[in-house]
Amino acid sequence: MFSYLKKGIVAALFLAGTTVSVLAAGADVNTTVTGLAIRGHDPVAYFTKGEPTAGEVNITADYNGATYRFANEANRDAFKADPAKYAPQYGGFCAFGTAMGFKFDGDPDVWKIVDNKLYLNLSKSVQERWNEDVPGFIETANTKWTDIKDVAPGDL
């Protein structure tokens, strides 16, 4: 049953013109093959600048086995003081995908802050669907995340 559901969700995402390539090197954090989180975007800048901002290669901090980059040292220091406040929810995987019980890549350019938490989505079309019931999808994703957090994306 779940195999058919997974294939249906993946097919729907492809038809929507999106990709489902998950770059995760670890099970609970979505990273590039080099361990870089949020594709090198500064997680603090979403809160301070209100937009995705590329981090500098030489201003970094590690959290949950991933490397985060920052636009400046002040952002890095804020992150180090409270990384859970700034790191994206669900390890940076797509918030809607998490609500569906899967781990799809979270696009750092498709984001939303809800109740002071950063959420990423796979694509704008997926985010449009997520926006139809953000509180409900967050509640469902929070529950599902406890079950899938330590499972490799390909095993879901």
C-alpha atoms as a PDB file:
ATOM      1  CA  MET A   1       0.000   0.000   0.000  1.00  0.00           C
ATOM      2  CA  PHE A   2       2.696   2.489   1.001  1.00  0.00           C
ATOM      3  CA  SER A   3       4.714   1.602  -2.086  1.00  0.00           C
ATOM      4  CA  TYR A   4       1.801   2.642  -4.289  1.00  0.00           C
ATOM      5  CA  LEU A   5       1.236   5.787  -2.227  1.00  0.00           C
ATOM      6  CA  LYS A   6       4.899   6.748  -2.467  1.00  0.00           C
ATOM      7  CA  LYS A   7       4.917   6.196  -6.228  1.00  0.00           C
ATOM      8  CA  GLY A   8       1.769   8.304  -6.536  1.00  0.00           C
ATOM      9  CA  ILE A   9       3.228  11.192  -4.560  1.00  0.00           C
ATOM     10  CA  VAL A  10       6.491  11.075  -6.488  1.00  0.00           C
ATOM     11  CA  ALA A  11       4.603  10.942  -9.792  1.00  0.00           C
ATOM     12  CA  ALA A  12       2.448  13.899  -8.768  1.00  0.00           C
ATOM     13  CA  LEU A  13       5.524  15.930  -7.863  1.00  0.00           C
ATOM     14  CA  PHE A  14       7.151  15.125 -11.208  1.00  0.00           C
ATOM     15  CA  LEU A  15       3.980  16.111 -13.045  1.00  0.00           C
ATOM     16  CA  ALA A  16       4.034  19.397 -11.167  1.00  0.00           C
ATOM     17  CA  GLY A  17       7.421  20.081 -12.730  1.00  0.00           C
ATOM     18  CA  THR A  18       9.490  19.451  -9.649  1.00  0.00           C
ATOM     19  CA  THR A  19      12.291  17.138  -8.713  1.00  0.00           C
ATOM     20  CA  VAL A  20      12.550  14.799  -5.786  1.00  0.00           C
ATOM     21  CA  SER A  21      16.292  14.371  -5.660  1.00  0.00           C
ATOM     22  CA  VAL A  22      17.189  14.203  -2.015  1.00  0.00           C
ATOM     23  CA  LEU A  23      20.749  15.254  -1.308  1.00  0.00           C
ATOM     24  CA  ALA A  24      20.839  13.911   2.213  1.00  0.00           C
ATOM     25  CA  ALA A  25      24.103  12.566   3.502  1.00  0.00           C
ATOM     26  CA  GLY A  26      22.561  11.757   6.895  1.00  0.00           C
ATOM     27  CA  ALA A  27      19.125  10.513   7.803  1.00  0.00           C
ATOM     28  CA  ASP A  28      17.934  13.407   9.980  1.00  0.00           C
ATOM     29  CA  VAL A  29      19.495  16.408   8.197  1.00  0.00           C
ATOM     30  CA  ASN A  30      19.150  17.243   4.511  1.00  0.00           C
ATOM     31  CA  THR A  31      22.665  17.988   3.265  1.00  0.00           C
ATOM     32  CA  THR A  32      24.735  17.961   0.130  1.00  0.00           C
ATOM     33  CA  VAL A  33      27.183  15.107  -0.298  1.00  0.00           C
ATOM     34  CA  THR A  34      29.796  17.273   1.440  1.00  0.00           C
ATOM     35  CA  GLY A  35      27.607  17.725   4.536  1.00  0.00           C
ATOM     36  CA  LEU A  36      26.487  21.273   3.731  1.00  0.00           C
ATOM     37  CA  ALA A  37      23.040  22.203   5.073  1.00  0.00           C
ATOM     38  CA  ILE A  38      20.530  24.430   3.251  1.00  0.00           C
ATOM     39  CA  ARG A  39      22.790  24.356   0.177  1.00  0.00           C
ATOM     40  CA  GLY A  40      25.033  26.910   1.867  1.00  0.00           C
ATOM     41  CA  HIS A  41      22.350  29.464   2.722  1.00  0.00           C
ATOM     42  CA  ASP A  42      22.534  31.355   6.017  1.00  0.00           C
ATOM     43  CA  PRO A  43      19.693  30.123   8.278  1.00  0.00           C
ATOM     44  CA  VAL A  44      19.791  33.252  10.466  1.00  0.00           C
ATOM     45  CA  ALA A  45      19.317  35.582   7.477  1.00  0.00           C
ATOM     46  CA  TYR A  46      15.795  34.245   6.898  1.00  0.00           C
ATOM     47  CA  PHE A  47      14.903  35.777  10.260  1.00  0.00           C
ATOM     48  CA  THR A  48      17.012  38.961  10.091  1.00  0.00           C
ATOM     49  CA  LYS A  49      16.891  39.880   6.382  1.00  0.00           C
ATOM     50  CA  GLY A  50      13.677  38.086   5.466  1.00  0.00           C
ATOM     51  CA  GLU A  51      15.211  36.444   2.434  1.00  0.00           C
ATOM     52  CA  PRO A  52      17.496  33.572   1.433  1.00  0.00           C
ATOM     53  CA  THR A  53      21.109  34.695   1.650  1.00  0.00           C
ATOM     54  CA  ALA A  54      24.190  32.780   0.589  1.00  0.00           C
ATOM     55  CA  GLY A  55      26.636  32.071   3.380  1.00  0.00           C
ATOM     56  CA  GLU A  56      30.375  32.611   3.172  1.00  0.00           C
ATOM     57  CA  VAL A  57      32.555  29.537   2.758  1.00  0.00           C
ATOM     58  CA  ASN A  58      34.812  30.595   5.642  1.00  0.00           C
ATOM     59  CA  ILE A  59      32.069  31.458   8.169  1.00  0.00           C
ATOM     60  CA  THR A  60      30.580  28.175   9.337  1.00  0.00           C
ATOM     61  CA  ALA A  61      29.224  26.245  12.295  1.00  0.00           C
ATOM     62  CA  ASP A  62      28.374  22.581  12.715  1.00  0.00           C
ATOM     63  CA  TYR A  63      25.058  21.378  14.117  1.00  0.00           C
ATOM     64  CA  ASN A  64      23.523  17.888  14.107  1.00  0.00           C
ATOM     65  CA  GLY A  65      26.303  16.598  11.881  1.00  0.00           C
ATOM     66  CA  ALA A  66      25.820  19.235   9.185  1.00  0.00           C
ATOM     67  CA  THR A  67      27.793  22.344   8.278  1.00  0.00           C
ATOM     68  CA  TYR A  68      25.913  25.636   8.074  1.00  0.00           C
ATOM     69  CA  ARG A  69      27.313  28.728   6.347  1.00  0.00           C
ATOM     70  CA  PHE A  70      26.659  32.324   7.375  1.00  0.00           C
ATOM     71  CA  ALA A  71      26.751  35.706   5.673  1.00  0.00           C
ATOM     72  CA  ASN A  72      28.599  37.220   8.620  1.00  0.00           C
ATOM     73  CA  GLU A  73      30.091  36.352  11.992  1.00  0.00           C
ATOM     74  CA  ALA A  74      27.203  37.913  13.931  1.00  0.00           C
ATOM     75  CA  ASN A  75      24.781  35.478  12.284  1.00  0.00           C
ATOM     76  CA  ARG A  76      27.113  32.577  12.989  1.00  0.00           C
ATOM     77  CA  ASP A  77      27.374  33.605  16.635  1.00  0.00           C
ATOM     78  CA  ALA A  78      23.576  33.921  16.953  1.00  0.00           C
ATOM     79  CA  PHE A  79      23.212  30.445  15.468  1.00  0.00           C
ATOM     80  CA  LYS A  80      25.815  28.956  17.776  1.00  0.00           C
ATOM     81  CA  ALA A  81      24.013  30.459  20.777  1.00  0.00           C
ATOM     82  CA  ASP A  82      20.696  28.807  19.822  1.00  0.00           C
ATOM     83  CA  PRO A  83      20.940  26.566  16.736  1.00  0.00           C
ATOM     84  CA  ALA A  84      17.496  24.993  17.238  1.00  0.00           C
ATOM     85  CA  LYS A  85      15.968  28.472  16.902  1.00  0.00           C
ATOM     86  CA  TYR A  86      17.400  28.994  13.415  1.00  0.00           C
ATOM     87  CA  ALA A  87      17.883  25.566  11.837  1.00  0.00           C
ATOM     88  CA  PRO A  88      15.088  24.602   9.460  1.00  0.00           C
ATOM     89  CA  GLN A  89      12.444  22.251  10.754  1.00  0.00           C
ATOM     90  CA  TYR A  90      12.570  18.566   9.807  1.00  0.00           C
ATOM     91  CA  GLY A  91      16.299  18.822   9.171  1.00  0.00           C
ATOM     92  CA  GLY A  92      15.700  21.015   6.128  1.00  0.00           C
ATOM     93  CA  PHE A  93      13.595  18.429   4.320  1.00  0.00           C
ATOM     94  CA  CYS A  94      10.395  19.569   2.591  1.00  0.00           C
ATOM     95  CA  ALA A  95       7.737  20.385   5.193  1.00  0.00           C
ATOM     96  CA  PHE A  96       4.886  19.120   3.001  1.00  0.00           C
ATOM     97  CA  GLY A  97       6.789  15.931   2.172  1.00  0.00           C
ATOM     98  CA  THR A  98       7.357  15.349   5.877  1.00  0.00           C
ATOM     99  CA  ALA A  99       3.614  15.696   6.467  1.00  0.00           C
ATOM    100  CA  MET A 100       3.142  12.986   3.832  1.00  0.00           C
ATOM    101  CA  GLY A 101       5.683  10.763   5.610  1.00  0.00           C
ATOM    102  CA  PHE A 102       8.552  11.229   3.157  1.00  0.00           C
ATOM    103  CA  LYS A 103      11.836  13.111   2.953  1.00  0.00           C
ATOM    104  CA  PHE A 104      12.165  15.265  -0.132  1.00  0.00           C
ATOM    105  CA  ASP A 105      14.759  17.958  -0.700  1.00  0.00           C
ATOM    106  CA  GLY A 106      13.927  21.328   0.820  1.00  0.00           C
ATOM    107  CA  ASP A 107      14.642  24.210  -1.561  1.00  0.00           C
ATOM    108  CA  PRO A 108      16.220  27.126   0.346  1.00  0.00           C
ATOM    109  CA  ASP A 109      14.473  29.548  -2.015  1.00  0.00           C
ATOM    110  CA  VAL A 110      11.023  28.143  -1.143  1.00  0.00           C
ATOM    111  CA  TRP A 111      10.579  28.910   2.531  1.00  0.00           C
ATOM    112  CA  LYS A 112       8.273  30.311   5.163  1.00  0.00           C
ATOM    113  CA  ILE A 113       8.650  31.284   8.800  1.00  0.00           C
ATOM    114  CA  VAL A 114       5.720  30.169  10.945  1.00  0.00           C
ATOM    115  CA  ASP A 115       5.672  30.800  14.702  1.00  0.00           C
ATOM    116  CA  ASN A 116       9.384  31.709  14.585  1.00  0.00           C
ATOM    117  CA  LYS A 117      10.342  28.436  12.879  1.00  0.00           C
ATOM    118  CA  LEU A 118      11.840  28.053   9.415  1.00  0.00           C
ATOM    119  CA  TYR A 119      10.183  25.626   6.994  1.00  0.00           C
ATOM    120  CA  LEU A 120      11.403  24.693   3.521  1.00  0.00           C
ATOM    121  CA  ASN A 121       9.442  23.101   0.704  1.00  0.00           C
ATOM    122  CA  LEU A 122      10.440  21.178  -2.401  1.00  0.00           C
ATOM    123  CA  SER A 123       9.074  23.699  -4.911  1.00  0.00           C
ATOM    124  CA  LYS A 124       6.697  26.626  -5.252  1.00  0.00           C
ATOM    125  CA  SER A 125       3.904  24.347  -6.474  1.00  0.00           C
ATOM    126  CA  VAL A 126       4.369  22.061  -3.457  1.00  0.00           C
ATOM    127  CA  GLN A 127       4.416  25.086  -1.170  1.00  0.00           C
ATOM    128  CA  GLU A 128       1.125  26.269  -2.681  1.00  0.00           C
ATOM    129  CA  ARG A 129      -0.416  22.970  -1.593  1.00  0.00           C
ATOM    130  CA  TRP A 130       1.215  23.256   1.863  1.00  0.00           C
ATOM    131  CA  ASN A 131      -0.166  26.805   2.207  1.00  0.00           C
ATOM    132  CA  GLU A 132      -3.722  25.435   1.971  1.00  0.00           C
ATOM    133  CA  ASP A 133      -3.478  24.204   5.585  1.00  0.00           C
ATOM    134  CA  VAL A 134      -0.145  25.223   7.116  1.00  0.00           C
ATOM    135  CA  PRO A 135      -1.159  24.564  10.758  1.00  0.00           C
ATOM    136  CA  GLY A 136      -2.630  21.172   9.904  1.00  0.00           C
ATOM    137  CA  PHE A 137       0.362  20.106   7.820  1.00  0.00           C
ATOM    138  CA  ILE A 138       2.780  21.262  10.536  1.00  0.00           C
ATOM    139  CA  GLU A 139       0.869  19.264  13.144  1.00  0.00           C
ATOM    140  CA  THR A 140       0.904  16.176  10.923  1.00  0.00           C
ATOM    141  CA  ALA A 141       4.571  16.662   9.990  1.00  0.00           C
ATOM    142  CA  ASN A 142       5.569  17.034  13.646  1.00  0.00           C
ATOM    143  CA  THR A 143       3.971  13.676  14.386  1.00  0.00           C
ATOM    144  CA  LYS A 144       5.395  11.937  11.315  1.00  0.00           C
ATOM    145  CA  TRP A 145       8.881  13.396  11.885  1.00  0.00           C
ATOM    146  CA  THR A 146       9.268  11.410  15.092  1.00  0.00           C
ATOM    147  CA  ASP A 147       8.726   8.222  13.059  1.00  0.00           C
ATOM    148  CA  ILE A 148      10.862   9.089  10.014  1.00  0.00           C
ATOM    149  CA  LYS A 149      13.605  11.284  11.498  1.00  0.00           C
ATOM    150  CA  ASP A 150      16.202   8.505  11.661  1.00  0.00           C
ATOM    151  CA  VAL A 151      15.115   6.706   8.481  1.00  0.00           C
ATOM    152  CA  ALA A 152      17.098   7.251   5.278  1.00  0.00           C
ATOM    153  CA  PRO A 153      15.022   9.013   2.600  1.00  0.00           C
ATOM    154  CA  GLY A 154      15.296   6.074   0.209  1.00  0.00           C
ATOM    155  CA  ASP A 155      13.890   3.715   2.817  1.00  0.00           C
ATOM    156  CA  LEU A 156      10.576   5.557   3.136  1.00  0.00           C
END
